[in-house]
Amino acid sequence: MTTKVSYGEAGRLDRVLGWARGVVGKALRVVRGRQTRRVSDDSDSAAELERRRTSLQQVGDTVLYDLMRESCTQLGGTYVHLSRLEERAGGDGTRWDQAAMLLDDDAEAIGARDRDAQVEAILHWDAERQRLAAVHGL
């Protein structure tokens, strides 16, 4: 399937993808042990949050929905990883499994055209993933 993207939308997409690469880069630095404190102190600022919200609101419907599903997938993967870590430590991992199921339910409840809910979900899920990475040293 081929999707045509206008030049204006391509520029907005480049900005969002640049932001996403920055988030992934920060997460990789945490995983590789280069950063031991919070994943990103600046990402918690109101100005940064508003900048991210504005960037997300400017992309097309399909791109925004894909970004939301990707954010959900990444947080779900974090839950699966934490469940496995808990099981290796002798626990049952149930709370993380339940969190993953609730996350899937939340994602399914967001309509494909509900842009505001998609943006808020992305911001919330990314922040939660970063928080869990910082708390659990992922």
C-alpha atoms as a PDB file:
ATOM      1  CA  MET A   1       0.000   0.000   0.000  1.00  0.00           C
ATOM      2  CA  THR A   2       1.372   3.397  -0.970  1.00  0.00           C
ATOM      3  CA  THR A   3       0.492   6.532   0.932  1.00  0.00           C
ATOM      4  CA  LYS A   4       0.953   9.957  -0.604  1.00  0.00           C
ATOM      5  CA  VAL A   5       2.149  12.620   1.797  1.00  0.00           C
ATOM      6  CA  SER A   6       2.015  16.327   1.031  1.00  0.00           C
ATOM      7  CA  TYR A   7       5.147  18.420   1.511  1.00  0.00           C
ATOM      8  CA  GLY A   8       3.597  20.222   4.480  1.00  0.00           C
ATOM      9  CA  GLU A   9       2.595  16.988   6.158  1.00  0.00           C
ATOM     10  CA  ALA A  10       5.984  15.465   5.394  1.00  0.00           C
ATOM     11  CA  GLY A  11       7.655  18.330   7.272  1.00  0.00           C
ATOM     12  CA  ARG A  12       5.414  17.813  10.284  1.00  0.00           C
ATOM     13  CA  LEU A  13       6.040  14.085  10.100  1.00  0.00           C
ATOM     14  CA  ASP A  14       9.801  14.711  10.040  1.00  0.00           C
ATOM     15  CA  ARG A  15       9.497  16.798  13.223  1.00  0.00           C
ATOM     16  CA  VAL A  16       7.474  14.110  15.007  1.00  0.00           C
ATOM     17  CA  LEU A  17       9.828  11.368  13.865  1.00  0.00           C
ATOM     18  CA  GLY A  18      12.773  13.483  15.008  1.00  0.00           C
ATOM     19  CA  TRP A  19      11.153  13.775  18.419  1.00  0.00           C
ATOM     20  CA  ALA A  20      10.522  10.000  18.450  1.00  0.00           C
ATOM     21  CA  ARG A  21      14.169   9.306  17.571  1.00  0.00           C
ATOM     22  CA  GLY A  22      15.162  11.517  20.503  1.00  0.00           C
ATOM     23  CA  VAL A  23      12.937   9.540  22.877  1.00  0.00           C
ATOM     24  CA  VAL A  24      14.342   6.246  21.598  1.00  0.00           C
ATOM     25  CA  GLY A  25      17.886   7.601  21.905  1.00  0.00           C
ATOM     26  CA  LYS A  26      17.275   8.585  25.515  1.00  0.00           C
ATOM     27  CA  ALA A  27      15.830   5.158  26.256  1.00  0.00           C
ATOM     28  CA  LEU A  28      18.847   3.470  24.667  1.00  0.00           C
ATOM     29  CA  ARG A  29      21.213   5.561  26.779  1.00  0.00           C
ATOM     30  CA  VAL A  30      19.350   4.365  29.856  1.00  0.00           C
ATOM     31  CA  VAL A  31      19.531   0.742  28.703  1.00  0.00           C
ATOM     32  CA  ARG A  32      23.239   1.060  27.986  1.00  0.00           C
ATOM     33  CA  GLY A  33      23.856   2.556  31.420  1.00  0.00           C
ATOM     34  CA  ARG A  34      24.900   6.025  30.300  1.00  0.00           C
ATOM     35  CA  GLN A  35      22.166   7.701  32.266  1.00  0.00           C
ATOM     36  CA  THR A  36      21.129   6.559  35.729  1.00  0.00           C
ATOM     37  CA  ARG A  37      18.788   9.320  36.849  1.00  0.00           C
ATOM     38  CA  ARG A  38      15.405  10.122  35.366  1.00  0.00           C
ATOM     39  CA  VAL A  39      15.184   9.420  31.659  1.00  0.00           C
ATOM     40  CA  SER A  40      14.539  13.035  30.772  1.00  0.00           C
ATOM     41  CA  ASP A  41      14.087  15.823  33.266  1.00  0.00           C
ATOM     42  CA  ASP A  42      13.320  18.261  30.445  1.00  0.00           C
ATOM     43  CA  SER A  43      10.515  16.100  29.025  1.00  0.00           C
ATOM     44  CA  ASP A  44       8.503  16.789  32.164  1.00  0.00           C
ATOM     45  CA  SER A  45       8.466  20.530  31.593  1.00  0.00           C
ATOM     46  CA  ALA A  46       5.201  22.112  30.595  1.00  0.00           C
ATOM     47  CA  ALA A  47       6.792  23.763  27.558  1.00  0.00           C
ATOM     48  CA  GLU A  48       8.181  20.461  26.254  1.00  0.00           C
ATOM     49  CA  LEU A  49       4.872  18.719  26.836  1.00  0.00           C
ATOM     50  CA  GLU A  50       3.016  21.449  24.955  1.00  0.00           C
ATOM     51  CA  ARG A  51       5.538  21.312  22.095  1.00  0.00           C
ATOM     52  CA  ARG A  52       5.031  17.563  21.789  1.00  0.00           C
ATOM     53  CA  ARG A  53       1.250  17.951  21.943  1.00  0.00           C
ATOM     54  CA  THR A  54       1.324  20.599  19.195  1.00  0.00           C
ATOM     55  CA  SER A  55       3.581  18.465  16.976  1.00  0.00           C
ATOM     56  CA  LEU A  56       1.324  15.458  17.356  1.00  0.00           C
ATOM     57  CA  GLN A  57      -1.789  17.486  16.579  1.00  0.00           C
ATOM     58  CA  GLN A  58      -0.290  18.582  13.264  1.00  0.00           C
ATOM     59  CA  VAL A  59       0.226  15.145  11.703  1.00  0.00           C
ATOM     60  CA  GLY A  60      -2.378  13.380   9.584  1.00  0.00           C
ATOM     61  CA  ASP A  61      -5.002  11.040  11.000  1.00  0.00           C
ATOM     62  CA  THR A  62      -3.322   7.830   9.865  1.00  0.00           C
ATOM     63  CA  VAL A  63       0.108   8.847  11.136  1.00  0.00           C
ATOM     64  CA  LEU A  64      -1.288   9.916  14.500  1.00  0.00           C
ATOM     65  CA  TYR A  65      -3.161   6.644  14.923  1.00  0.00           C
ATOM     66  CA  ASP A  66      -0.004   4.685  14.011  1.00  0.00           C
ATOM     67  CA  LEU A  67       2.013   6.693  16.541  1.00  0.00           C
ATOM     68  CA  MET A  68      -0.601   5.954  19.199  1.00  0.00           C
ATOM     69  CA  ARG A  69      -0.523   2.219  18.473  1.00  0.00           C
ATOM     70  CA  GLU A  70       3.294   2.250  18.521  1.00  0.00           C
ATOM     71  CA  SER A  71       3.310   4.014  21.881  1.00  0.00           C
ATOM     72  CA  CYS A  72       0.873   1.387  23.181  1.00  0.00           C
ATOM     73  CA  THR A  73       3.052  -1.420  21.813  1.00  0.00           C
ATOM     74  CA  GLN A  74       6.175  -0.011  23.456  1.00  0.00           C
ATOM     75  CA  LEU A  75       4.503   0.357  26.853  1.00  0.00           C
ATOM     76  CA  GLY A  76       2.985  -3.116  26.488  1.00  0.00           C
ATOM     77  CA  GLY A  77       6.455  -4.481  25.771  1.00  0.00           C
ATOM     78  CA  THR A  78       7.718  -2.819  28.933  1.00  0.00           C
ATOM     79  CA  TYR A  79       4.933  -4.510  30.902  1.00  0.00           C
ATOM     80  CA  VAL A  80       5.834  -7.904  29.393  1.00  0.00           C
ATOM     81  CA  HIS A  81       9.499  -7.359  30.241  1.00  0.00           C
ATOM     82  CA  LEU A  82       8.655  -6.406  33.833  1.00  0.00           C
ATOM     83  CA  SER A  83       6.395  -9.454  34.129  1.00  0.00           C
ATOM     84  CA  ARG A  84       9.215 -11.739  33.012  1.00  0.00           C
ATOM     85  CA  LEU A  85      11.660 -10.081  35.399  1.00  0.00           C
ATOM     86  CA  GLU A  86       9.208 -10.576  38.251  1.00  0.00           C
ATOM     87  CA  GLU A  87       8.699 -14.234  37.304  1.00  0.00           C
ATOM     88  CA  ARG A  88      12.474 -14.822  37.256  1.00  0.00           C
ATOM     89  CA  ALA A  89      12.638 -13.302  40.736  1.00  0.00           C
ATOM     90  CA  GLY A  90      10.060 -15.805  42.003  1.00  0.00           C
ATOM     91  CA  GLY A  91       6.905 -13.724  41.593  1.00  0.00           C
ATOM     92  CA  ASP A  92       4.005 -14.433  39.305  1.00  0.00           C
ATOM     93  CA  GLY A  93       4.086 -11.260  37.173  1.00  0.00           C
ATOM     94  CA  THR A  94       0.304 -11.001  37.347  1.00  0.00           C
ATOM     95  CA  ARG A  95       0.119  -7.268  37.969  1.00  0.00           C
ATOM     96  CA  TRP A  96       2.135  -6.530  34.819  1.00  0.00           C
ATOM     97  CA  ASP A  97       0.083  -8.983  32.772  1.00  0.00           C
ATOM     98  CA  GLN A  98      -3.099  -7.285  33.978  1.00  0.00           C
ATOM     99  CA  ALA A  99      -1.641  -3.860  33.191  1.00  0.00           C
ATOM    100  CA  ALA A 100      -0.893  -5.047  29.634  1.00  0.00           C
ATOM    101  CA  MET A 101      -4.463  -6.295  29.181  1.00  0.00           C
ATOM    102  CA  LEU A 102      -5.931  -3.029  30.502  1.00  0.00           C
ATOM    103  CA  LEU A 103      -3.608  -1.093  28.204  1.00  0.00           C
ATOM    104  CA  ASP A 104      -4.885  -3.033  25.200  1.00  0.00           C
ATOM    105  CA  ASP A 105      -8.463  -2.355  26.291  1.00  0.00           C
ATOM    106  CA  ASP A 106      -7.682   1.361  26.605  1.00  0.00           C
ATOM    107  CA  ALA A 107      -6.129   1.453  23.132  1.00  0.00           C
ATOM    108  CA  GLU A 108      -9.092  -0.365  21.589  1.00  0.00           C
ATOM    109  CA  ALA A 109     -11.492   2.107  23.225  1.00  0.00           C
ATOM    110  CA  ILE A 110      -9.862   5.080  21.471  1.00  0.00           C
ATOM    111  CA  GLY A 111     -11.555   5.777  18.169  1.00  0.00           C
ATOM    112  CA  ALA A 112      -9.545   6.020  14.971  1.00  0.00           C
ATOM    113  CA  ARG A 113     -10.810   9.596  14.488  1.00  0.00           C
ATOM    114  CA  ASP A 114     -10.557  10.759  18.130  1.00  0.00           C
ATOM    115  CA  ARG A 115      -7.412  12.832  17.678  1.00  0.00           C
ATOM    116  CA  ASP A 116      -7.480  14.464  21.127  1.00  0.00           C
ATOM    117  CA  ALA A 117      -7.689  11.105  22.896  1.00  0.00           C
ATOM    118  CA  GLN A 118      -4.904   9.723  20.703  1.00  0.00           C
ATOM    119  CA  VAL A 119      -2.583  12.629  21.506  1.00  0.00           C
ATOM    120  CA  GLU A 120      -3.268  12.367  25.228  1.00  0.00           C
ATOM    121  CA  ALA A 121      -2.760   8.588  25.149  1.00  0.00           C
ATOM    122  CA  ILE A 122       0.603   8.978  23.403  1.00  0.00           C
ATOM    123  CA  LEU A 123       1.782  11.558  25.923  1.00  0.00           C
ATOM    124  CA  HIS A 124       0.549   9.502  28.872  1.00  0.00           C
ATOM    125  CA  TRP A 125       1.911   6.158  27.661  1.00  0.00           C
ATOM    126  CA  ASP A 126       5.309   7.600  26.727  1.00  0.00           C
ATOM    127  CA  ALA A 127       5.599   9.266  30.142  1.00  0.00           C
ATOM    128  CA  GLU A 128       4.595   6.025  31.882  1.00  0.00           C
ATOM    129  CA  ARG A 129       7.147   4.027  29.885  1.00  0.00           C
ATOM    130  CA  GLN A 130       9.864   6.540  30.777  1.00  0.00           C
ATOM    131  CA  ARG A 131       8.839   6.464  34.436  1.00  0.00           C
ATOM    132  CA  LEU A 132       8.954   2.668  34.549  1.00  0.00           C
ATOM    133  CA  ALA A 133      12.340   2.639  32.822  1.00  0.00           C
ATOM    134  CA  ALA A 134      13.716   5.043  35.413  1.00  0.00           C
ATOM    135  CA  VAL A 135      12.170   3.260  38.403  1.00  0.00           C
ATOM    136  CA  HIS A 136      13.144  -0.253  37.313  1.00  0.00           C
ATOM    137  CA  GLY A 137      16.474   0.599  35.700  1.00  0.00           C
ATOM    138  CA  LEU A 138      15.472  -0.607  32.253  1.00  0.00           C
END
